Amino acid sequence: MSMAEARALDREIAAFEERRVDLEARHKGEWVVIHGEDMLGAYDSFEVAAEEAVRNFGSGPFLIRQVGALPAILPASVMHIPVRAPD
């Protein structure tokens, strides 16, 4: 991601946060698409939101968030160690 794309995404996250209270009152559980500082719309599924975002903005950047969802916490890295039962 380029620096310009990262700044655009930061602006979109800030726009989401500024609208959070209103979004939670009107669109809880729905998926919203934000591009720049503008909201494209609210949708019933991620798939529909993504289709609309790509149709309107191409490859982005744009933000798709589910209203009211807890933020995901992802590990920086994951190590998978298979575990087998003793013979």
PDB file of N, CA and C in Angstrom:
ATOM      1  N   MET A   1       0.856  -1.176   0.000  1.00  0.00           N
ATOM      2  CA  MET A   1       0.000   0.000   0.000  1.00  0.00           C
ATOM      3  C   MET A   1       0.898   1.234   0.000  1.00  0.00           C
ATOM      4  N   SER A   2       0.598   2.149  -0.888  1.00  0.00           N
ATOM      5  CA  SER A   2       1.379   3.376  -0.973  1.00  0.00           C
ATOM      6  C   SER A   2       1.023   4.311   0.186  1.00  0.00           C
ATOM      7  N   MET A   3       1.850   5.305   0.379  1.00  0.00           N
ATOM      8  CA  MET A   3       1.579   6.297   1.433  1.00  0.00           C
ATOM      9  C   MET A   3       0.278   7.049   1.149  1.00  0.00           C
ATOM     10  N   ALA A   4       0.025   7.356  -0.125  1.00  0.00           N
ATOM     11  CA  ALA A   4      -1.214   8.058  -0.484  1.00  0.00           C
ATOM     12  C   ALA A   4      -2.428   7.197  -0.172  1.00  0.00           C
ATOM     13  N   GLU A   5      -2.349   5.906  -0.459  1.00  0.00           N
ATOM     14  CA  GLU A   5      -3.456   4.998  -0.159  1.00  0.00           C
ATOM     15  C   GLU A   5      -3.655   4.868   1.347  1.00  0.00           C
ATOM     16  N   ALA A   6      -2.557   4.824   2.089  1.00  0.00           N
ATOM     17  CA  ALA A   6      -2.653   4.731   3.550  1.00  0.00           C
ATOM     18  C   ALA A   6      -3.301   5.985   4.131  1.00  0.00           C
ATOM     19  N   ARG A   7      -2.954   7.147   3.603  1.00  0.00           N
ATOM     20  CA  ARG A   7      -3.581   8.395   4.074  1.00  0.00           C
ATOM     21  C   ARG A   7      -5.066   8.419   3.728  1.00  0.00           C
ATOM     22  N   ALA A   8      -5.407   7.939   2.525  1.00  0.00           N
ATOM     23  CA  ALA A   8      -6.819   7.890   2.125  1.00  0.00           C
ATOM     24  C   ALA A   8      -7.599   6.966   3.054  1.00  0.00           C
ATOM     25  N   LEU A   9      -7.018   5.820   3.372  1.00  0.00           N
ATOM     26  CA  LEU A   9      -7.685   4.877   4.267  1.00  0.00           C
ATOM     27  C   LEU A   9      -7.838   5.466   5.667  1.00  0.00           C
ATOM     28  N   ASP A  10      -6.820   6.179   6.138  1.00  0.00           N
ATOM     29  CA  ASP A  10      -6.927   6.852   7.442  1.00  0.00           C
ATOM     30  C   ASP A  10      -8.083   7.847   7.435  1.00  0.00           C
ATOM     31  N   ARG A  11      -8.253   8.577   6.334  1.00  0.00           N
ATOM     32  CA  ARG A  11      -9.335   9.553   6.215  1.00  0.00           C
ATOM     33  C   ARG A  11     -10.691   8.850   6.225  1.00  0.00           C
ATOM     34  N   GLU A  12     -10.769   7.698   5.564  1.00  0.00           N
ATOM     35  CA  GLU A  12     -12.024   6.941   5.531  1.00  0.00           C
ATOM     36  C   GLU A  12     -12.368   6.365   6.900  1.00  0.00           C
ATOM     37  N   ILE A  13     -11.363   5.884   7.612  1.00  0.00           N
ATOM     38  CA  ILE A  13     -11.591   5.388   8.979  1.00  0.00           C
ATOM     39  C   ILE A  13     -12.087   6.524   9.870  1.00  0.00           C
ATOM     40  N   ALA A  14     -11.473   7.701   9.741  1.00  0.00           N
ATOM     41  CA  ALA A  14     -11.903   8.862  10.537  1.00  0.00           C
ATOM     42  C   ALA A  14     -13.343   9.243  10.190  1.00  0.00           C
ATOM     43  N   ALA A  15     -13.707   9.185   8.905  1.00  0.00           N
ATOM     44  CA  ALA A  15     -15.079   9.504   8.492  1.00  0.00           C
ATOM     45  C   ALA A  15     -16.066   8.512   9.098  1.00  0.00           C
ATOM     46  N   PHE A  16     -15.691   7.229   9.138  1.00  0.00           N
ATOM     47  CA  PHE A  16     -16.539   6.214   9.773  1.00  0.00           C
ATOM     48  C   PHE A  16     -16.720   6.533  11.258  1.00  0.00           C
ATOM     49  N   GLU A  17     -15.604   6.823  11.935  1.00  0.00           N
ATOM     50  CA  GLU A  17     -15.660   7.102  13.372  1.00  0.00           C
ATOM     51  C   GLU A  17     -16.515   8.334  13.675  1.00  0.00           C
ATOM     52  N   GLU A  18     -16.442   9.362  12.823  1.00  0.00           N
ATOM     53  CA  GLU A  18     -17.257  10.567  13.023  1.00  0.00           C
ATOM     54  C   GLU A  18     -18.746  10.257  12.920  1.00  0.00           C
ATOM     55  N   ARG A  19     -19.097   9.259  12.129  1.00  0.00           N
ATOM     56  CA  ARG A  19     -20.507   8.893  11.915  1.00  0.00           C
ATOM     57  C   ARG A  19     -20.975   7.747  12.805  1.00  0.00           C
ATOM     58  N   ARG A  20     -20.097   7.191  13.599  1.00  0.00           N
ATOM     59  CA  ARG A  20     -20.381   5.955  14.316  1.00  0.00           C
ATOM     60  C   ARG A  20     -21.708   5.978  15.086  1.00  0.00           C
ATOM     61  N   VAL A  21     -21.964   6.996  15.878  1.00  0.00           N
ATOM     62  CA  VAL A  21     -23.182   7.045  16.702  1.00  0.00           C
ATOM     63  C   VAL A  21     -24.419   7.000  15.815  1.00  0.00           C
ATOM     64  N   ASP A  22     -24.438   7.812  14.765  1.00  0.00           N
ATOM     65  CA  ASP A  22     -25.585   7.827  13.854  1.00  0.00           C
ATOM     66  C   ASP A  22     -25.716   6.493  13.122  1.00  0.00           C
ATOM     67  N   LEU A  23     -24.599   5.942  12.672  1.00  0.00           N
ATOM     68  CA  LEU A  23     -24.632   4.656  11.969  1.00  0.00           C
ATOM     69  C   LEU A  23     -25.174   3.551  12.872  1.00  0.00           C
ATOM     70  N   GLU A  24     -24.737   3.533  14.123  1.00  0.00           N
ATOM     71  CA  GLU A  24     -25.210   2.495  15.038  1.00  0.00           C
ATOM     72  C   GLU A  24     -26.697   2.647  15.344  1.00  0.00           C
ATOM     73  N   ALA A  25     -27.192   3.863  15.310  1.00  0.00           N
ATOM     74  CA  ALA A  25     -28.623   4.089  15.541  1.00  0.00           C
ATOM     75  C   ALA A  25     -29.461   3.692  14.325  1.00  0.00           C
ATOM     76  N   ARG A  26     -28.905   3.846  13.122  1.00  0.00           N
ATOM     77  CA  ARG A  26     -29.698   3.654  11.906  1.00  0.00           C
ATOM     78  C   ARG A  26     -29.351   2.403  11.092  1.00  0.00           C
ATOM     79  N   HIS A  27     -28.121   1.903  11.245  1.00  0.00           N
ATOM     80  CA  HIS A  27     -27.658   0.831  10.352  1.00  0.00           C
ATOM     81  C   HIS A  27     -26.932  -0.310  11.072  1.00  0.00           C
ATOM     82  N   LYS A  28     -27.226  -0.524  12.332  1.00  0.00           N
ATOM     83  CA  LYS A  28     -26.517  -1.558  13.098  1.00  0.00           C
ATOM     84  C   LYS A  28     -26.621  -2.917  12.396  1.00  0.00           C
ATOM     85  N   GLY A  29     -25.466  -3.571  12.243  1.00  0.00           N
ATOM     86  CA  GLY A  29     -25.403  -4.874  11.608  1.00  0.00           C
ATOM     87  C   GLY A  29     -25.216  -4.815  10.099  1.00  0.00           C
ATOM     88  N   GLU A  30     -25.442  -3.652   9.502  1.00  0.00           N
ATOM     89  CA  GLU A  30     -25.266  -3.509   8.062  1.00  0.00           C
ATOM     90  C   GLU A  30     -23.801  -3.181   7.732  1.00  0.00           C
ATOM     91  N   TRP A  31     -23.464  -3.321   6.477  1.00  0.00           N
ATOM     92  CA  TRP A  31     -22.117  -3.038   5.978  1.00  0.00           C
ATOM     93  C   TRP A  31     -22.140  -1.704   5.248  1.00  0.00           C
ATOM     94  N   VAL A  32     -21.247  -0.783   5.619  1.00  0.00           N
ATOM     95  CA  VAL A  32     -21.191   0.515   4.964  1.00  0.00           C
ATOM     96  C   VAL A  32     -19.918   0.630   4.137  1.00  0.00           C
ATOM     97  N   VAL A  33     -20.030   1.402   3.057  1.00  0.00           N
ATOM     98  CA  VAL A  33     -18.889   1.688   2.192  1.00  0.00           C
ATOM     99  C   VAL A  33     -18.606   3.176   2.303  1.00  0.00           C
ATOM    100  N   ILE A  34     -17.355   3.497   2.628  1.00  0.00           N
ATOM    101  CA  ILE A  34     -16.931   4.891   2.718  1.00  0.00           C
ATOM    102  C   ILE A  34     -15.752   5.084   1.777  1.00  0.00           C
ATOM    103  N   HIS A  35     -15.844   6.142   0.994  1.00  0.00           N
ATOM    104  CA  HIS A  35     -14.780   6.510   0.055  1.00  0.00           C
ATOM    105  C   HIS A  35     -14.465   7.974   0.299  1.00  0.00           C
ATOM    106  N   GLY A  36     -13.214   8.263   0.624  1.00  0.00           N
ATOM    107  CA  GLY A  36     -12.878   9.631   1.029  1.00  0.00           C
ATOM    108  C   GLY A  36     -13.605   9.939   2.314  1.00  0.00           C
ATOM    109  N   GLU A  37     -14.395  10.982   2.299  1.00  0.00           N
ATOM    110  CA  GLU A  37     -15.191  11.333   3.474  1.00  0.00           C
ATOM    111  C   GLU A  37     -16.672  11.064   3.253  1.00  0.00           C
ATOM    112  N   ASP A  38     -17.010  10.461   2.115  1.00  0.00           N
ATOM    113  CA  ASP A  38     -18.410  10.229   1.752  1.00  0.00           C
ATOM    114  C   ASP A  38     -18.805   8.772   1.936  1.00  0.00           C
ATOM    115  N   MET A  39     -20.034   8.571   2.398  1.00  0.00           N
ATOM    116  CA  MET A  39     -20.570   7.226   2.522  1.00  0.00           C
ATOM    117  C   MET A  39     -21.370   6.895   1.272  1.00  0.00           C
ATOM    118  N   LEU A  40     -21.012   5.802   0.620  1.00  0.00           N
ATOM    119  CA  LEU A  40     -21.731   5.365  -0.575  1.00  0.00           C
ATOM    120  C   LEU A  40     -23.097   4.808  -0.196  1.00  0.00           C
ATOM    121  N   GLY A  41     -23.137   3.975   0.857  1.00  0.00           N
ATOM    122  CA  GLY A  41     -24.404   3.386   1.261  1.00  0.00           C
ATOM    123  C   GLY A  41     -24.214   2.341   2.330  1.00  0.00           C
ATOM    124  N   ALA A  42     -25.345   1.776   2.774  1.00  0.00           N
ATOM    125  CA  ALA A  42     -25.364   0.701   3.768  1.00  0.00           C
ATOM    126  C   ALA A  42     -26.022  -0.508   3.110  1.00  0.00           C
ATOM    127  N   TYR A  43     -25.459  -1.696   3.345  1.00  0.00           N
ATOM    128  CA  TYR A  43     -25.881  -2.904   2.643  1.00  0.00           C
ATOM    129  C   TYR A  43     -26.057  -4.051   3.635  1.00  0.00           C
ATOM    130  N   ASP A  44     -26.900  -5.005   3.260  1.00  0.00           N
ATOM    131  CA  ASP A  44     -27.205  -6.132   4.142  1.00  0.00           C
ATOM    132  C   ASP A  44     -26.091  -7.160   4.235  1.00  0.00           C
ATOM    133  N   SER A  45     -25.190  -7.190   3.241  1.00  0.00           N
ATOM    134  CA  SER A  45     -24.111  -8.185   3.283  1.00  0.00           C
ATOM    135  C   SER A  45     -22.797  -7.557   2.822  1.00  0.00           C
ATOM    136  N   PHE A  46     -21.697  -8.171   3.244  1.00  0.00           N
ATOM    137  CA  PHE A  46     -20.387  -7.723   2.813  1.00  0.00           C
ATOM    138  C   PHE A  46     -20.248  -7.851   1.304  1.00  0.00           C
ATOM    139  N   GLU A  47     -20.766  -8.953   0.754  1.00  0.00           N
ATOM    140  CA  GLU A  47     -20.634  -9.205  -0.679  1.00  0.00           C
ATOM    141  C   GLU A  47     -21.268  -8.091  -1.509  1.00  0.00           C
ATOM    142  N   VAL A  48     -22.464  -7.675  -1.127  1.00  0.00           N
ATOM    143  CA  VAL A  48     -23.144  -6.606  -1.871  1.00  0.00           C
ATOM    144  C   VAL A  48     -22.390  -5.288  -1.700  1.00  0.00           C
ATOM    145  N   ALA A  49     -21.925  -5.016  -0.473  1.00  0.00           N
ATOM    146  CA  ALA A  49     -21.153  -3.793  -0.233  1.00  0.00           C
ATOM    147  C   ALA A  49     -19.884  -3.782  -1.085  1.00  0.00           C
ATOM    148  N   ALA A  50     -19.200  -4.917  -1.154  1.00  0.00           N
ATOM    149  CA  ALA A  50     -17.964  -4.999  -1.942  1.00  0.00           C
ATOM    150  C   ALA A  50     -18.243  -4.824  -3.431  1.00  0.00           C
ATOM    151  N   GLU A  51     -19.310  -5.428  -3.927  1.00  0.00           N
ATOM    152  CA  GLU A  51     -19.674  -5.269  -5.341  1.00  0.00           C
ATOM    153  C   GLU A  51     -19.940  -3.807  -5.678  1.00  0.00           C
ATOM    154  N   GLU A  52     -20.676  -3.127  -4.816  1.00  0.00           N
ATOM    155  CA  GLU A  52     -20.975  -1.712  -5.052  1.00  0.00           C
ATOM    156  C   GLU A  52     -19.713  -0.858  -4.977  1.00  0.00           C
ATOM    157  N   ALA A  53     -18.845  -1.156  -4.003  1.00  0.00           N
ATOM    158  CA  ALA A  53     -17.601  -0.394  -3.858  1.00  0.00           C
ATOM    159  C   ALA A  53     -16.736  -0.539  -5.107  1.00  0.00           C
ATOM    160  N   VAL A  54     -16.566  -1.755  -5.582  1.00  0.00           N
ATOM    161  CA  VAL A  54     -15.736  -1.995  -6.761  1.00  0.00           C
ATOM    162  C   VAL A  54     -16.385  -1.375  -7.996  1.00  0.00           C
ATOM    163  N   ARG A  55     -17.690  -1.505  -8.119  1.00  0.00           N
ATOM    164  CA  ARG A  55     -18.395  -0.926  -9.270  1.00  0.00           C
ATOM    165  C   ARG A  55     -18.212   0.595  -9.314  1.00  0.00           C
ATOM    166  N   ASN A  56     -18.218   1.236  -8.140  1.00  0.00           N
ATOM    167  CA  ASN A  56     -18.120   2.696  -8.083  1.00  0.00           C
ATOM    168  C   ASN A  56     -16.694   3.230  -8.030  1.00  0.00           C
ATOM    169  N   PHE A  57     -15.779   2.474  -7.393  1.00  0.00           N
ATOM    170  CA  PHE A  57     -14.446   3.023  -7.130  1.00  0.00           C
ATOM    171  C   PHE A  57     -13.298   2.156  -7.642  1.00  0.00           C
ATOM    172  N   GLY A  58     -13.593   1.104  -8.370  1.00  0.00           N
ATOM    173  CA  GLY A  58     -12.524   0.244  -8.871  1.00  0.00           C
ATOM    174  C   GLY A  58     -11.812  -0.474  -7.740  1.00  0.00           C
ATOM    175  N   SER A  59     -10.510  -0.483  -7.812  1.00  0.00           N
ATOM    176  CA  SER A  59      -9.731  -1.236  -6.820  1.00  0.00           C
ATOM    177  C   SER A  59      -9.496  -0.462  -5.528  1.00  0.00           C
ATOM    178  N   GLY A  60     -10.022   0.733  -5.423  1.00  0.00           N
ATOM    179  CA  GLY A  60      -9.940   1.461  -4.158  1.00  0.00           C
ATOM    180  C   GLY A  60      -8.834   2.492  -4.151  1.00  0.00           C
ATOM    181  N   PRO A  61      -8.516   2.985  -2.983  1.00  0.00           N
ATOM    182  CA  PRO A  61      -8.945   2.494  -1.681  1.00  0.00           C
ATOM    183  C   PRO A  61     -10.360   2.952  -1.312  1.00  0.00           C
ATOM    184  N   PHE A  62     -10.992   2.139  -0.498  1.00  0.00           N
ATOM    185  CA  PHE A  62     -12.278   2.443   0.104  1.00  0.00           C
ATOM    186  C   PHE A  62     -12.377   1.608   1.362  1.00  0.00           C
ATOM    187  N   LEU A  63     -13.292   1.961   2.223  1.00  0.00           N
ATOM    188  CA  LEU A  63     -13.453   1.263   3.494  1.00  0.00           C
ATOM    189  C   LEU A  63     -14.812   0.573   3.509  1.00  0.00           C
ATOM    190  N   ILE A  64     -14.806  -0.698   3.888  1.00  0.00           N
ATOM    191  CA  ILE A  64     -16.048  -1.440   4.114  1.00  0.00           C
ATOM    192  C   ILE A  64     -16.017  -1.898   5.559  1.00  0.00           C
ATOM    193  N   ARG A  65     -17.027  -1.495   6.323  1.00  0.00           N
ATOM    194  CA  ARG A  65     -17.091  -1.872   7.740  1.00  0.00           C
ATOM    195  C   ARG A  65     -18.497  -2.303   8.095  1.00  0.00           C
ATOM    196  N   GLN A  66     -18.588  -3.279   9.003  1.00  0.00           N
ATOM    197  CA  GLN A  66     -19.887  -3.655   9.541  1.00  0.00           C
ATOM    198  C   GLN A  66     -20.165  -2.775  10.752  1.00  0.00           C
ATOM    199  N   VAL A  67     -21.303  -2.126  10.737  1.00  0.00           N
ATOM    200  CA  VAL A  67     -21.673  -1.202  11.804  1.00  0.00           C
ATOM    201  C   VAL A  67     -21.994  -1.999  13.065  1.00  0.00           C
ATOM    202  N   GLY A  68     -21.344  -1.616  14.160  1.00  0.00           N
ATOM    203  CA  GLY A  68     -21.594  -2.252  15.444  1.00  0.00           C
ATOM    204  C   GLY A  68     -20.716  -3.448  15.734  1.00  0.00           C
ATOM    205  N   ALA A  69     -19.909  -3.874  14.770  1.00  0.00           N
ATOM    206  CA  ALA A  69     -19.028  -5.027  14.988  1.00  0.00           C
ATOM    207  C   ALA A  69     -17.826  -4.603  15.818  1.00  0.00           C
ATOM    208  N   LEU A  70     -17.377  -5.510  16.655  1.00  0.00           N
ATOM    209  CA  LEU A  70     -16.165  -5.247  17.419  1.00  0.00           C
ATOM    210  C   LEU A  70     -14.974  -5.273  16.476  1.00  0.00           C
ATOM    211  N   PRO A  71     -13.966  -4.431  16.724  1.00  0.00           N
ATOM    212  CA  PRO A  71     -12.798  -4.454  15.847  1.00  0.00           C
ATOM    213  C   PRO A  71     -12.078  -5.796  15.939  1.00  0.00           C
ATOM    214  N   ALA A  72     -11.602  -6.274  14.822  1.00  0.00           N
ATOM    215  CA  ALA A  72     -10.866  -7.539  14.797  1.00  0.00           C
ATOM    216  C   ALA A  72      -9.479  -7.324  15.373  1.00  0.00           C
ATOM    217  N   ILE A  73      -9.040  -8.289  16.142  1.00  0.00           N
ATOM    218  CA  ILE A  73      -7.675  -8.256  16.666  1.00  0.00           C
ATOM    219  C   ILE A  73      -6.939  -9.406  16.001  1.00  0.00           C
ATOM    220  N   LEU A  74      -5.998  -9.062  15.166  1.00  0.00           N
ATOM    221  CA  LEU A  74      -5.260 -10.069  14.414  1.00  0.00           C
ATOM    222  C   LEU A  74      -3.821 -10.118  14.904  1.00  0.00           C
ATOM    223  N   PRO A  75      -3.265 -11.312  15.055  1.00  0.00           N
ATOM    224  CA  PRO A  75      -1.865 -11.399  15.477  1.00  0.00           C
ATOM    225  C   PRO A  75      -0.953 -10.924  14.356  1.00  0.00           C
ATOM    226  N   ALA A  76       0.208 -10.417  14.741  1.00  0.00           N
ATOM    227  CA  ALA A  76       1.179  -9.968  13.746  1.00  0.00           C
ATOM    228  C   ALA A  76       1.712 -11.151  12.954  1.00  0.00           C
ATOM    229  N   SER A  77       1.850 -12.293  13.602  1.00  0.00           N
ATOM    230  CA  SER A  77       2.275 -13.506  12.911  1.00  0.00           C
ATOM    231  C   SER A  77       1.676 -14.699  13.634  1.00  0.00           C
ATOM    232  N   VAL A  78       1.575 -15.790  12.926  1.00  0.00           N
ATOM    233  CA  VAL A  78       0.991 -16.999  13.496  1.00  0.00           C
ATOM    234  C   VAL A  78       1.902 -18.167  13.174  1.00  0.00           C
ATOM    235  N   MET A  79       2.135 -19.018  14.170  1.00  0.00           N
ATOM    236  CA  MET A  79       2.924 -20.224  13.949  1.00  0.00           C
ATOM    237  C   MET A  79       2.013 -21.417  14.149  1.00  0.00           C
ATOM    238  N   HIS A  80       1.989 -22.303  13.174  1.00  0.00           N
ATOM    239  CA  HIS A  80       1.153 -23.490  13.268  1.00  0.00           C
ATOM    240  C   HIS A  80       2.050 -24.676  13.614  1.00  0.00           C
ATOM    241  N   ILE A  81       1.744 -25.324  14.726  1.00  0.00           N
ATOM    242  CA  ILE A  81       2.482 -26.516  15.128  1.00  0.00           C
ATOM    243  C   ILE A  81       1.485 -27.659  15.217  1.00  0.00           C
ATOM    244  N   PRO A  82       1.584 -28.616  14.290  1.00  0.00           N
ATOM    245  CA  PRO A  82       0.638 -29.738  14.357  1.00  0.00           C
ATOM    246  C   PRO A  82       0.826 -30.529  15.646  1.00  0.00           C
ATOM    247  N   VAL A  83      -0.263 -30.962  16.205  1.00  0.00           N
ATOM    248  CA  VAL A  83      -0.216 -31.745  17.431  1.00  0.00           C
ATOM    249  C   VAL A  83      -0.828 -33.100  17.135  1.00  0.00           C
ATOM    250  N   ARG A  84      -0.098 -34.141  17.496  1.00  0.00           N
ATOM    251  CA  ARG A  84      -0.635 -35.490  17.301  1.00  0.00           C
ATOM    252  C   ARG A  84      -0.796 -36.158  18.661  1.00  0.00           C
ATOM    253  N   ALA A  85      -1.825 -36.964  18.742  1.00  0.00           N
ATOM    254  CA  ALA A  85      -2.032 -37.736  19.966  1.00  0.00           C
ATOM    255  C   ALA A  85      -0.925 -38.768  20.073  1.00  0.00           C
ATOM    256  N   PRO A  86      -0.501 -39.094  21.308  1.00  0.00           N
ATOM    257  CA  PRO A  86       0.526 -40.125  21.457  1.00  0.00           C
ATOM    258  C   PRO A  86       0.019 -41.466  20.931  1.00  0.00           C
ATOM    259  N   ASP A  87       0.922 -42.249  20.363  1.00  0.00           N
ATOM    260  CA  ASP A  87       0.567 -43.575  19.834  1.00  0.00           C
ATOM    261  C   ASP A  87       0.226 -44.535  20.924  1.00  0.00           C
TER     262      ASP A  87
END
